PDB file of N, CA and C in Angstrom:
ATOM      1  N   MET A   1     -26.763   1.278   9.990  1.00  0.00           N
ATOM      2  CA  MET A   1     -25.269   0.859   9.409  1.00  0.00           C
ATOM      3  C   MET A   1     -25.124   0.480   8.227  1.00  0.00           C
ATOM      4  N   SER A   2     -24.041   0.453   7.515  1.00  0.00           N
ATOM      5  CA  SER A   2     -23.547   0.076   6.514  1.00  0.00           C
ATOM      6  C   SER A   2     -22.423  -1.017   6.811  1.00  0.00           C
ATOM      7  N   GLU A   3     -22.380  -2.327   5.982  1.00  0.00           N
ATOM      8  CA  GLU A   3     -21.112  -3.159   6.265  1.00  0.00           C
ATOM      9  C   GLU A   3     -20.006  -2.981   5.338  1.00  0.00           C
ATOM     10  N   MET A   4     -19.093  -3.213   5.270  1.00  0.00           N
ATOM     11  CA  MET A   4     -18.044  -3.051   4.611  1.00  0.00           C
ATOM     12  C   MET A   4     -18.148  -4.329   3.525  1.00  0.00           C
ATOM     13  N   PRO A   5     -18.092  -3.975   2.260  1.00  0.00           N
ATOM     14  CA  PRO A   5     -18.253  -5.004   1.443  1.00  0.00           C
ATOM     15  C   PRO A   5     -17.184  -5.957   1.239  1.00  0.00           C
ATOM     16  N   ASN A   6     -17.160  -7.059   1.375  1.00  0.00           N
ATOM     17  CA  ASN A   6     -15.851  -8.110   1.147  1.00  0.00           C
ATOM     18  C   ASN A   6     -15.265  -7.730   2.400  1.00  0.00           C
ATOM     19  N   GLN A   7     -15.855  -7.663   3.189  1.00  0.00           N
ATOM     20  CA  GLN A   7     -15.309  -8.093   4.596  1.00  0.00           C
ATOM     21  C   GLN A   7     -14.690  -9.111   4.738  1.00  0.00           C
ATOM     22  N   ALA A   8     -15.050 -10.159   4.427  1.00  0.00           N
ATOM     23  CA  ALA A   8     -14.683 -11.416   5.079  1.00  0.00           C
ATOM     24  C   ALA A   8     -13.889 -11.939   4.097  1.00  0.00           C
ATOM     25  N   SER A   9     -13.306 -11.056   2.635  1.00  0.00           N
ATOM     26  CA  SER A   9     -12.187 -11.699   1.888  1.00  0.00           C
ATOM     27  C   SER A   9     -11.104 -10.897   2.235  1.00  0.00           C
ATOM     28  N   ARG A  10     -11.376  -9.524   3.191  1.00  0.00           N
ATOM     29  CA  ARG A  10     -10.108  -8.640   3.667  1.00  0.00           C
ATOM     30  C   ARG A  10      -9.048  -9.474   4.475  1.00  0.00           C
ATOM     31  N   ARG A  11      -7.634  -9.466   4.333  1.00  0.00           N
ATOM     32  CA  ARG A  11      -6.681 -10.385   4.583  1.00  0.00           C
ATOM     33  C   ARG A  11      -6.669  -9.236   6.157  1.00  0.00           C
ATOM     34  N   PRO A  12      -6.487  -9.782   7.168  1.00  0.00           N
ATOM     35  CA  PRO A  12      -6.634  -9.821   8.366  1.00  0.00           C
ATOM     36  C   PRO A  12      -5.120  -8.701   8.710  1.00  0.00           C
ATOM     37  N   ARG A  13      -5.650  -7.490   9.423  1.00  0.00           N
ATOM     38  CA  ARG A  13      -4.237  -6.801   9.653  1.00  0.00           C
ATOM     39  C   ARG A  13      -2.999  -7.300  10.732  1.00  0.00           C
ATOM     40  N   ARG A  14      -1.884  -7.100  10.477  1.00  0.00           N
ATOM     41  CA  ARG A  14      -1.123  -7.709  11.083  1.00  0.00           C
ATOM     42  C   ARG A  14      -0.152  -6.283  11.848  1.00  0.00           C
ATOM     43  N   TYR A  15       0.507  -6.644  12.694  1.00  0.00           N
ATOM     44  CA  TYR A  15       1.335  -5.399  13.615  1.00  0.00           C
ATOM     45  C   TYR A  15       2.761  -5.460  12.680  1.00  0.00           C
ATOM     46  N   ILE A  16       3.429  -4.372  12.234  1.00  0.00           N
ATOM     47  CA  ILE A  16       4.858  -4.520  11.429  1.00  0.00           C
ATOM     48  C   ILE A  16       5.652  -3.490  12.732  1.00  0.00           C
ATOM     49  N   ASP A  17       6.654  -3.848  13.100  1.00  0.00           N
ATOM     50  CA  ASP A  17       7.312  -2.827  13.937  1.00  0.00           C
ATOM     51  C   ASP A  17       8.253  -1.500  13.547  1.00  0.00           C
ATOM     52  N   TRP A  18       7.912  -0.947  12.866  1.00  0.00           N
ATOM     53  CA  TRP A  18       8.489   0.018  12.050  1.00  0.00           C
ATOM     54  C   TRP A  18       9.556   0.588  13.286  1.00  0.00           C
ATOM     55  N   ARG A  19       9.772   0.652  14.195  1.00  0.00           N
ATOM     56  CA  ARG A  19      10.464   1.267  14.957  1.00  0.00           C
ATOM     57  C   ARG A  19      11.573   0.169  15.218  1.00  0.00           C
ATOM     58  N   GLN A  20      11.484  -0.451  15.742  1.00  0.00           N
ATOM     59  CA  GLN A  20      12.567  -1.978  15.331  1.00  0.00           C
ATOM     60  C   GLN A  20      13.239  -1.721  13.969  1.00  0.00           C
ATOM     61  N   ALA A  21      12.766  -1.657  12.714  1.00  0.00           N
ATOM     62  CA  ALA A  21      13.144  -1.534  11.743  1.00  0.00           C
ATOM     63  C   ALA A  21      14.295   0.083  12.112  1.00  0.00           C
ATOM     64  N   ALA A  22      13.527   1.158  12.043  1.00  0.00           N
ATOM     65  CA  ALA A  22      14.517   2.171  12.489  1.00  0.00           C
ATOM     66  C   ALA A  22      15.558   2.024  12.884  1.00  0.00           C
ATOM     67  N   HIS A  23      15.419   1.361  14.273  1.00  0.00           N
ATOM     68  CA  HIS A  23      16.560   1.436  14.988  1.00  0.00           C
ATOM     69  C   HIS A  23      17.648   0.615  14.308  1.00  0.00           C
ATOM     70  N   LEU A  24      17.316  -0.141  13.732  1.00  0.00           N
ATOM     71  CA  LEU A  24      18.267  -1.112  12.821  1.00  0.00           C
ATOM     72  C   LEU A  24      18.984  -0.741  11.957  1.00  0.00           C
ATOM     73  N   LEU A  25      18.128   0.048  10.986  1.00  0.00           N
ATOM     74  CA  LEU A  25      18.666   1.089  10.134  1.00  0.00           C
ATOM     75  C   LEU A  25      19.659   2.145  10.668  1.00  0.00           C
ATOM     76  N   ALA A  26      19.417   2.833  11.556  1.00  0.00           N
ATOM     77  CA  ALA A  26      19.972   3.554  11.914  1.00  0.00           C
ATOM     78  C   ALA A  26      21.533   3.123  12.811  1.00  0.00           C
ATOM     79  N   GLY A  27      21.172   1.644  13.354  1.00  0.00           N
ATOM     80  CA  GLY A  27      22.604   1.183  13.472  1.00  0.00           C
ATOM     81  C   GLY A  27      23.174   0.951  12.266  1.00  0.00           C
ATOM     82  N   GLY A  28      23.165   0.916  10.696  1.00  0.00           N
ATOM     83  CA  GLY A  28      23.869   0.190  10.399  1.00  0.00           C
ATOM     84  C   GLY A  28      23.706  -1.090   9.250  1.00  0.00           C
ATOM     85  N   GLN A  29      22.533  -1.526   9.665  1.00  0.00           N
ATOM     86  CA  GLN A  29      21.872  -2.614   9.297  1.00  0.00           C
ATOM     87  C   GLN A  29      21.423  -1.948   7.546  1.00  0.00           C
ATOM     88  N   THR A  30      21.481  -3.376   6.599  1.00  0.00           N
ATOM     89  CA  THR A  30      21.199  -3.150   5.614  1.00  0.00           C
ATOM     90  C   THR A  30      19.278  -3.166   5.537  1.00  0.00           C
ATOM     91  N   PRO A  31      19.203  -2.298   4.220  1.00  0.00           N
ATOM     92  CA  PRO A  31      17.455  -2.322   4.382  1.00  0.00           C
ATOM     93  C   PRO A  31      17.063  -4.090   4.277  1.00  0.00           C
ATOM     94  N   ALA A  32      17.648  -4.778   3.405  1.00  0.00           N
ATOM     95  CA  ALA A  32      17.390  -6.198   3.489  1.00  0.00           C
ATOM     96  C   ALA A  32      17.382  -6.760   4.887  1.00  0.00           C
ATOM     97  N   ALA A  33      18.300  -6.642   5.482  1.00  0.00           N
ATOM     98  CA  ALA A  33      18.294  -7.458   7.152  1.00  0.00           C
ATOM     99  C   ALA A  33      17.238  -7.044   8.084  1.00  0.00           C
ATOM    100  N   ALA A  34      16.929  -5.779   7.811  1.00  0.00           N
ATOM    101  CA  ALA A  34      15.957  -4.682   8.473  1.00  0.00           C
ATOM    102  C   ALA A  34      14.450  -5.723   8.275  1.00  0.00           C
ATOM    103  N   ALA A  35      14.657  -5.623   7.008  1.00  0.00           N
ATOM    104  CA  ALA A  35      13.242  -6.181   6.428  1.00  0.00           C
ATOM    105  C   ALA A  35      12.759  -7.347   6.916  1.00  0.00           C
ATOM    106  N   ALA A  36      14.190  -8.482   6.633  1.00  0.00           N
ATOM    107  CA  ALA A  36      13.747  -9.613   7.269  1.00  0.00           C
ATOM    108  C   ALA A  36      13.545  -9.789   8.614  1.00  0.00           C
ATOM    109  N   ALA A  37      13.980  -9.367   9.211  1.00  0.00           N
ATOM    110  CA  ALA A  37      13.921  -9.091  10.966  1.00  0.00           C
ATOM    111  C   ALA A  37      12.795  -8.514  11.086  1.00  0.00           C
ATOM    112  N   ILE A  38      12.180  -8.106  10.841  1.00  0.00           N
ATOM    113  CA  ILE A  38      10.192  -7.410  10.573  1.00  0.00           C
ATOM    114  C   ILE A  38       9.478  -8.197  10.398  1.00  0.00           C
ATOM    115  N   GLY A  39       9.681  -8.922   9.462  1.00  0.00           N
ATOM    116  CA  GLY A  39       9.196 -10.208   8.175  1.00  0.00           C
ATOM    117  C   GLY A  39       8.666  -9.341   7.460  1.00  0.00           C
ATOM    118  N   VAL A  40       8.584  -8.044   6.711  1.00  0.00           N
ATOM    119  CA  VAL A  40       8.221  -7.418   5.546  1.00  0.00           C
ATOM    120  C   VAL A  40       9.159  -7.935   3.941  1.00  0.00           C
ATOM    121  N   SER A  41       8.856  -8.052   2.990  1.00  0.00           N
ATOM    122  CA  SER A  41       9.820  -7.387   2.085  1.00  0.00           C
ATOM    123  C   SER A  41      10.450  -6.506   2.089  1.00  0.00           C
ATOM    124  N   GLU A  42      11.855  -6.112   1.369  1.00  0.00           N
ATOM    125  CA  GLU A  42      12.583  -4.977   1.113  1.00  0.00           C
ATOM    126  C   GLU A  42      11.768  -4.269   0.563  1.00  0.00           C
ATOM    127  N   ASP A  43      11.529  -4.324  -0.539  1.00  0.00           N
ATOM    128  CA  ASP A  43      10.404  -3.427  -1.232  1.00  0.00           C
ATOM    129  C   ASP A  43       9.281  -2.862  -0.431  1.00  0.00           C
ATOM    130  N   ARG A  44       8.755  -3.352   0.467  1.00  0.00           N
ATOM    131  CA  ARG A  44       7.491  -2.614   1.529  1.00  0.00           C
ATOM    132  C   ARG A  44       8.344  -1.855   2.189  1.00  0.00           C
ATOM    133  N   LEU A  45       9.427  -2.174   3.060  1.00  0.00           N
ATOM    134  CA  LEU A  45      10.368  -1.379   3.625  1.00  0.00           C
ATOM    135  C   LEU A  45      10.763   0.169   2.998  1.00  0.00           C
ATOM    136  N   MET A  46      11.196  -0.182   1.675  1.00  0.00           N
ATOM    137  CA  MET A  46      11.456   0.934   1.242  1.00  0.00           C
ATOM    138  C   MET A  46      10.645   1.800   0.679  1.00  0.00           C
ATOM    139  N   ARG A  47       9.073   1.337   0.564  1.00  0.00           N
ATOM    140  CA  ARG A  47       8.228   1.890  -0.101  1.00  0.00           C
ATOM    141  C   ARG A  47       7.592   2.808   1.293  1.00  0.00           C
ATOM    142  N   HIS A  48       7.679   2.290   2.461  1.00  0.00           N
ATOM    143  CA  HIS A  48       7.578   3.156   3.526  1.00  0.00           C
ATOM    144  C   HIS A  48       8.287   3.989   3.957  1.00  0.00           C
ATOM    145  N   PHE A  49       9.437   3.563   3.696  1.00  0.00           N
ATOM    146  CA  PHE A  49      10.680   4.705   3.789  1.00  0.00           C
ATOM    147  C   PHE A  49      10.231   5.677   2.917  1.00  0.00           C
ATOM    148  N   GLU A  50       9.644   5.883   1.767  1.00  0.00           N
ATOM    149  CA  GLU A  50       9.682   6.895   1.020  1.00  0.00           C
ATOM    150  C   GLU A  50       8.396   7.715   1.033  1.00  0.00           C
ATOM    151  N   THR A  51       7.572   6.809   1.878  1.00  0.00           N
ATOM    152  CA  THR A  51       6.438   7.848   1.696  1.00  0.00           C
ATOM    153  C   THR A  51       5.525   7.976   3.405  1.00  0.00           C
ATOM    154  N   SER A  52       6.914   7.517   4.471  1.00  0.00           N
ATOM    155  CA  SER A  52       6.065   7.739   5.799  1.00  0.00           C
ATOM    156  C   SER A  52       7.290   8.683   6.442  1.00  0.00           C
ATOM    157  N   GLN A  53       6.621  10.024   6.723  1.00  0.00           N
ATOM    158  CA  GLN A  53       7.363  11.135   7.401  1.00  0.00           C
ATOM    159  C   GLN A  53       7.199  10.403   8.738  1.00  0.00           C
ATOM    160  N   HIS A  54       6.949   9.851   9.326  1.00  0.00           N
ATOM    161  CA  HIS A  54       6.840   9.062  10.678  1.00  0.00           C
ATOM    162  C   HIS A  54       7.702   8.544  10.530  1.00  0.00           C
ATOM    163  N   PHE A  55       8.097   7.352  10.099  1.00  0.00           N
ATOM    164  CA  PHE A  55       9.115   6.446   9.702  1.00  0.00           C
ATOM    165  C   PHE A  55      10.589   7.292   9.490  1.00  0.00           C
ATOM    166  N   LEU A  56      10.264   8.159   8.801  1.00  0.00           N
ATOM    167  CA  LEU A  56      11.773   9.190   8.558  1.00  0.00           C
ATOM    168  C   LEU A  56      11.997   9.715   9.997  1.00  0.00           C
ATOM    169  N   ARG A  57      11.225  10.148  10.973  1.00  0.00           N
ATOM    170  CA  ARG A  57      11.736  10.788  11.959  1.00  0.00           C
ATOM    171  C   ARG A  57      12.234   9.684  13.173  1.00  0.00           C
ATOM    172  N   LEU A  58      11.661   8.340  12.822  1.00  0.00           N
ATOM    173  CA  LEU A  58      11.464   7.501  13.832  1.00  0.00           C
ATOM    174  C   LEU A  58      13.050   7.124  13.615  1.00  0.00           C
ATOM    175  N   ILE A  59      13.836   6.906  12.044  1.00  0.00           N
ATOM    176  CA  ILE A  59      15.392   6.468  12.016  1.00  0.00           C
ATOM    177  C   ILE A  59      16.003   7.483  12.443  1.00  0.00           C
ATOM    178  N   LEU A  60      15.647   9.151  12.344  1.00  0.00           N
ATOM    179  CA  LEU A  60      16.277  10.162  12.472  1.00  0.00           C
ATOM    180  C   LEU A  60      16.347   9.939  14.017  1.00  0.00           C
ATOM    181  N   ARG A  61      15.436   9.785  14.620  1.00  0.00           N
ATOM    182  CA  ARG A  61      15.451  10.106  16.234  1.00  0.00           C
ATOM    183  C   ARG A  61      16.519   8.757  17.051  1.00  0.00           C
ATOM    184  N   ALA A  62      16.319   7.286  16.368  1.00  0.00           N
ATOM    185  CA  ALA A  62      17.043   6.099  16.569  1.00  0.00           C
ATOM    186  C   ALA A  62      18.579   6.586  16.071  1.00  0.00           C
ATOM    187  N   GLY A  63      18.760   7.200  15.524  1.00  0.00           N
ATOM    188  CA  GLY A  63      20.097   7.832  15.118  1.00  0.00           C
ATOM    189  C   GLY A  63      20.797   8.462  15.959  1.00  0.00           C
ATOM    190  N   GLU A  64      19.876   9.622  16.630  1.00  0.00           N
ATOM    191  CA  GLU A  64      20.268  10.414  17.531  1.00  0.00           C
ATOM    192  C   GLU A  64      20.322   9.804  18.968  1.00  0.00           C
ATOM    193  N   SER A  65      19.351   8.803  18.926  1.00  0.00           N
ATOM    194  CA  SER A  65      19.672   8.465  20.099  1.00  0.00           C
ATOM    195  C   SER A  65      21.195   7.092  20.508  1.00  0.00           C
ATOM    196  N   ARG A  66      21.134   6.853  19.595  1.00  0.00           N
ATOM    197  CA  ARG A  66      22.585   6.173  19.343  1.00  0.00           C
ATOM    198  C   ARG A  66      23.849   6.754  19.320  1.00  0.00           C
ATOM    199  N   ARG A  67      23.826   7.821  18.853  1.00  0.00           N
ATOM    200  CA  ARG A  67      24.943   8.787  18.819  1.00  0.00           C
ATOM    201  C   ARG A  67      25.495   9.370  20.088  1.00  0.00           C
ATOM    202  N   CYS A  68      24.099   9.675  20.872  1.00  0.00           N
ATOM    203  CA  CYS A  68      24.279  10.314  22.422  1.00  0.00           C
ATOM    204  C   CYS A  68      24.804   9.028  23.161  1.00  0.00           C
ATOM    205  N   LEU A  69      24.227   8.011  23.323  1.00  0.00           N
ATOM    206  CA  LEU A  69      24.678   6.873  24.046  1.00  0.00           C
ATOM    207  C   LEU A  69      26.358   6.386  23.540  1.00  0.00           C
ATOM    208  N   ASP A  70      26.444   6.151  22.405  1.00  0.00           N
ATOM    209  CA  ASP A  70      28.235   6.329  22.080  1.00  0.00           C
ATOM    210  C   ASP A  70      29.022   7.303  22.817  1.00  0.00           C
ATOM    211  N   LEU A  71      28.233   8.779  22.738  1.00  0.00           N
ATOM    212  CA  LEU A  71      29.094   9.862  23.456  1.00  0.00           C
ATOM    213  C   LEU A  71      29.309   9.541  24.959  1.00  0.00           C
ATOM    214  N   ALA A  72      28.225   9.074  25.524  1.00  0.00           N
ATOM    215  CA  ALA A  72      28.053   8.769  26.880  1.00  0.00           C
ATOM    216  C   ALA A  72      28.950   7.470  27.670  1.00  0.00           C
ATOM    217  N   LEU A  73      29.217   6.502  26.507  1.00  0.00           N
ATOM    218  CA  LEU A  73      29.847   5.577  26.522  1.00  0.00           C
ATOM    219  C   LEU A  73      31.602   5.754  26.575  1.00  0.00           C
ATOM    220  N   GLN A  74      31.500   6.806  25.587  1.00  0.00           N
ATOM    221  CA  GLN A  74      33.365   7.065  25.377  1.00  0.00           C
ATOM    222  C   GLN A  74      33.521   7.968  26.240  1.00  0.00           C
ATOM    223  N   ALA A  75      32.643   8.765  27.030  1.00  0.00           N
ATOM    224  CA  ALA A  75      33.261   9.875  28.176  1.00  0.00           C
ATOM    225  C   ALA A  75      33.748   8.877  29.296  1.00  0.00           C
ATOM    226  N   GLY A  76      33.002   7.515  29.807  1.00  0.00           N
ATOM    227  CA  GLY A  76      33.630   6.700  30.846  1.00  0.00           C
ATOM    228  C   GLY A  76      32.619   6.945  32.152  1.00  0.00           C
ATOM    229  N   PRO A  77      33.072   6.474  33.123  1.00  0.00           N
ATOM    230  CA  PRO A  77      31.510   6.767  34.180  1.00  0.00           C
ATOM    231  C   PRO A  77      32.096   8.005  34.778  1.00  0.00           C
ATOM    232  N   VAL A  78      30.998   8.849  35.244  1.00  0.00           N
ATOM    233  CA  VAL A  78      30.618   9.948  35.567  1.00  0.00           C
ATOM    234  C   VAL A  78      30.777   9.884  37.192  1.00  0.00           C
ATOM    235  N   GLU A  79      31.401  10.605  37.506  1.00  0.00           N
ATOM    236  CA  GLU A  79      31.881  10.767  39.015  1.00  0.00           C
ATOM    237  C   GLU A  79      31.195  10.974  39.627  1.00  0.00           C
ATOM    238  N   GLU A  80      30.666  11.036  40.871  1.00  0.00           N
ATOM    239  CA  GLU A  80      29.957  11.321  41.879  1.00  0.00           C
ATOM    240  C   GLU A  80      30.316  12.722  42.567  1.00  0.00           C
ATOM    241  N   ASP A  81      29.470  13.951  42.766  1.00  0.00           N
ATOM    242  CA  ASP A  81      29.736  14.647  43.330  1.00  0.00           C
ATOM    243  C   ASP A  81      29.982  14.816  44.803  1.00  0.00           C
ATOM    244  N   ALA A  82      31.090  14.850  45.799  1.00  0.00           N
ATOM    245  CA  ALA A  82      31.327  14.818  47.049  1.00  0.00           C
ATOM    246  C   ALA A  82      30.310  15.790  47.674  1.00  0.00           C
ATOM    247  N   ALA A  83      29.904  16.744  47.271  1.00  0.00           N
ATOM    248  CA  ALA A  83      29.422  17.732  47.861  1.00  0.00           C
ATOM    249  C   ALA A  83      27.606  17.129  48.121  1.00  0.00           C
ATOM    250  N   GLY A  84      27.352  16.249  47.554  1.00  0.00           N
ATOM    251  CA  GLY A  84      26.311  15.224  47.421  1.00  0.00           C
ATOM    252  C   GLY A  84      25.016  15.442  46.691  1.00  0.00           C
TER     253      GLY A  84
END
Protein backbone atom coordinates (compact mmCIF):
# COMPACT_ATOMS: atom_id res chain seq x y z
CA MET A 1 0.00 0.00 0.00
CA SER A 2 1.29 3.42 -0.83
CA GLU A 3 0.39 6.44 1.19
CA MET A 4 -0.42 9.80 -0.31
CA PRO A 5 2.55 12.14 0.14
CA ASN A 6 1.80 15.28 2.13
CA GLN A 7 -1.59 13.91 3.07
CA ALA A 8 -1.56 15.73 6.40
CA SER A 9 -1.07 19.09 4.70
CA ARG A 10 -3.93 18.68 2.24
CA ARG A 11 -7.00 20.79 2.82
CA PRO A 12 -10.13 18.84 3.68
CA ARG A 13 -12.67 18.61 0.90
CA ARG A 14 -15.92 20.45 1.42
CA TYR A 15 -19.22 20.08 -0.33
CA ILE A 16 -20.15 22.80 -2.83
CA ASP A 17 -23.81 22.86 -3.80
CA TRP A 18 -23.47 23.47 -7.54
CA ARG A 19 -27.14 22.55 -8.03
CA GLN A 20 -28.21 25.47 -5.83
CA ALA A 21 -25.91 27.78 -7.80
CA ALA A 22 -27.46 26.53 -11.06
CA HIS A 23 -30.98 27.25 -9.78
CA LEU A 24 -29.95 30.72 -8.63
CA LEU A 25 -28.34 31.52 -11.99
CA ALA A 26 -31.32 30.15 -13.93
CA GLY A 27 -33.58 32.29 -11.74
CA GLY A 28 -31.79 35.46 -12.77
CA GLN A 29 -29.35 35.94 -9.90
CA THR A 30 -25.98 37.47 -10.70
CA PRO A 31 -22.92 35.22 -10.59
CA ALA A 32 -21.67 37.23 -7.59
CA ALA A 33 -24.91 36.60 -5.66
CA ALA A 34 -24.95 32.90 -6.56
CA ALA A 35 -21.30 32.51 -5.55
CA ALA A 36 -21.92 34.23 -2.22
CA ALA A 37 -24.94 32.00 -1.56
CA ILE A 38 -22.91 28.80 -1.93
CA GLY A 39 -19.77 30.15 -0.26
CA VAL A 40 -17.29 30.30 -3.14
CA SER A 41 -15.64 33.19 -4.95
CA GLU A 42 -17.19 34.53 -8.13
CA ASP A 43 -13.98 33.57 -9.92
CA ARG A 44 -14.35 29.94 -8.72
CA LEU A 45 -17.98 29.87 -9.89
CA MET A 46 -17.07 31.22 -13.33
CA ARG A 47 -14.17 28.76 -13.71
CA HIS A 48 -16.55 25.92 -12.88
CA PHE A 49 -19.10 27.33 -15.34
CA GLU A 50 -16.47 27.40 -18.11
CA THR A 51 -15.08 23.91 -17.50
CA SER A 52 -17.92 21.71 -16.27
CA GLN A 53 -20.37 20.24 -18.76
CA HIS A 54 -22.36 18.80 -15.86
CA PHE A 55 -22.81 22.28 -14.34
CA LEU A 56 -24.02 23.62 -17.70
CA ARG A 57 -26.60 20.83 -17.89
CA LEU A 58 -27.74 21.65 -14.33
CA ILE A 59 -28.29 25.29 -15.31
CA LEU A 60 -30.21 24.33 -18.45
CA ARG A 61 -32.36 21.84 -16.54
CA ALA A 62 -33.07 24.40 -13.81
CA GLY A 63 -34.14 26.95 -16.42
CA GLU A 64 -36.36 24.38 -18.11
CA SER A 65 -38.01 23.45 -14.82
CA ARG A 66 -38.57 27.10 -13.98
CA ARG A 67 -40.19 27.77 -17.39
CA CYS A 68 -42.49 24.74 -17.04
CA LEU A 69 -43.51 25.84 -13.55
CA ASP A 70 -44.20 29.39 -14.77
CA LEU A 71 -46.36 28.04 -17.61
CA ALA A 72 -48.29 25.80 -15.23
CA LEU A 73 -48.90 28.69 -12.84
CA GLN A 74 -50.08 30.95 -15.68
CA ALA A 75 -52.54 28.30 -16.90
CA GLY A 76 -54.41 28.41 -13.61
CA PRO A 77 -56.00 25.57 -11.68
CA VAL A 78 -56.56 22.27 -13.43
CA GLU A 79 -60.19 21.18 -13.65
CA GLU A 80 -60.90 17.64 -12.58
CA ASP A 81 -62.56 15.31 -15.06
CA ALA A 82 -66.18 14.63 -14.06
CA ALA A 83 -65.93 11.06 -15.37
CA GLY A 84 -63.44 10.13 -12.80
